[in-house]
Protein backbone atom coordinates (compact mmCIF):
# COMPACT_ATOMS: atom_id res chain seq x y z
CA MET A 1 0.03 -0.05 -0.09
CA PRO A 2 1.56 3.58 -1.08
CA GLU A 3 2.42 5.68 2.57
CA ALA A 4 0.03 8.72 2.55
CA ALA A 5 1.74 12.41 1.24
CA HIS A 6 3.62 14.00 3.81
CA LEU A 7 2.10 17.74 4.14
CA PRO A 8 4.33 20.63 5.74
CA PRO A 9 2.76 22.13 9.00
CA ALA A 10 1.05 25.06 7.43
CA SER A 11 4.11 27.67 8.99
CA GLU A 12 5.88 26.23 6.71
CA THR A 13 3.37 26.67 3.45
CA ARG A 14 4.79 29.42 0.81
CA THR A 15 1.41 31.55 -0.24
CA ILE A 16 1.89 33.94 -3.30
CA PRO A 17 2.20 37.59 -3.02
CA PRO A 18 -0.61 39.30 -3.76
CA LEU A 19 -0.40 41.19 -7.83
CA PRO A 20 0.15 44.80 -6.88
CA ALA A 21 -3.22 47.89 -7.42
CA GLU A 22 -2.08 49.00 -11.26
CA PRO A 23 -1.97 45.03 -12.74
CA MET A 24 -4.95 43.37 -10.55
CA ASP A 25 -6.93 46.81 -11.60
CA ARG A 26 -6.37 46.32 -15.27
CA TYR A 27 -7.60 42.56 -15.05
CA ALA A 28 -10.99 44.06 -13.92
CA ASP A 29 -11.01 46.92 -16.60
CA LEU A 30 -9.96 44.21 -19.18
CA LEU A 31 -12.88 41.19 -17.92
CA VAL A 32 -15.98 43.93 -17.41
CA ARG A 33 -14.67 45.20 -21.28
CA ILE A 34 -13.82 41.73 -22.81
CA GLY A 35 -14.87 39.21 -21.36
CA VAL A 36 -18.18 40.44 -19.65
CA ASN A 37 -18.50 42.78 -22.54
CA LEU A 38 -20.67 45.03 -20.10
CA GLN A 39 -22.65 47.88 -22.24
CA PRO A 40 -23.40 51.10 -20.74
CA ARG A 41 -26.66 51.26 -18.34
CA GLN A 42 -26.61 47.53 -18.32
CA CYS A 43 -26.52 45.42 -14.11
CA LEU A 44 -23.91 42.85 -13.39
CA ASN A 45 -24.68 39.48 -10.73
CA LEU A 46 -20.52 39.37 -9.02
CA ARG A 47 -20.98 36.80 -6.74
CA ALA A 48 -17.12 35.94 -4.35
CA GLU A 49 -15.50 34.59 -2.49
CA LEU A 50 -14.76 36.72 1.09
CA GLU A 51 -10.62 35.72 0.51
CA HIS A 52 -11.35 37.75 -2.99
CA ALA A 53 -13.27 40.61 -2.22
CA ASP A 54 -10.07 42.83 -2.84
CA PHE A 55 -10.03 42.48 -6.53
CA ALA A 56 -14.27 41.73 -5.90
CA ARG A 57 -14.04 45.10 -5.23
CA ARG A 58 -11.86 46.10 -8.30
CA VAL A 59 -14.03 44.73 -10.43
CA VAL A 60 -17.34 47.32 -8.69
CA ALA A 61 -15.87 49.89 -9.67
CA ALA A 62 -14.16 48.90 -13.32
CA ALA A 63 -17.73 47.92 -13.55
CA TYR A 64 -19.31 51.83 -12.86
CA ARG A 65 -16.88 52.88 -14.52
CA HIS A 66 -17.80 51.62 -17.22
CA GLY A 67 -21.17 52.62 -16.84
CA ALA A 68 -23.22 49.95 -15.43
CA LYS A 69 -26.09 51.22 -13.70
CA TYR A 70 -25.96 48.98 -10.88
CA VAL A 71 -23.58 46.25 -9.64
CA ASN A 72 -25.64 42.80 -7.63
CA MET A 73 -22.69 42.05 -4.77
CA VAL A 74 -23.43 38.34 -3.60
CA TRP A 75 -20.01 37.63 -0.99
CA THR A 76 -19.90 34.05 -0.14
CA HIS A 77 -17.90 31.99 2.39
CA ASP A 78 -17.06 28.57 3.07
CA PRO A 79 -15.15 27.76 5.99
CA ILE A 80 -13.20 24.42 5.87
CA THR A 81 -14.64 22.08 8.42
């Protein structure tokens, strides 16, 4: 029977540093303009995990910059048990 993989303690795991603000804003803008193709006066429904709140807020701001009438933000949180 194969051995179970050894996972390092949480204190030893690496985290990926967050992107600087400018690339995140540019990506949010690209997402709204090209990915969603949001048109002026349209509404946008957006759902995001709480862990991604910073980026979700950037997407909301980009939507309003591109003329969204209203952005409905739904936050989700699925804790690990």
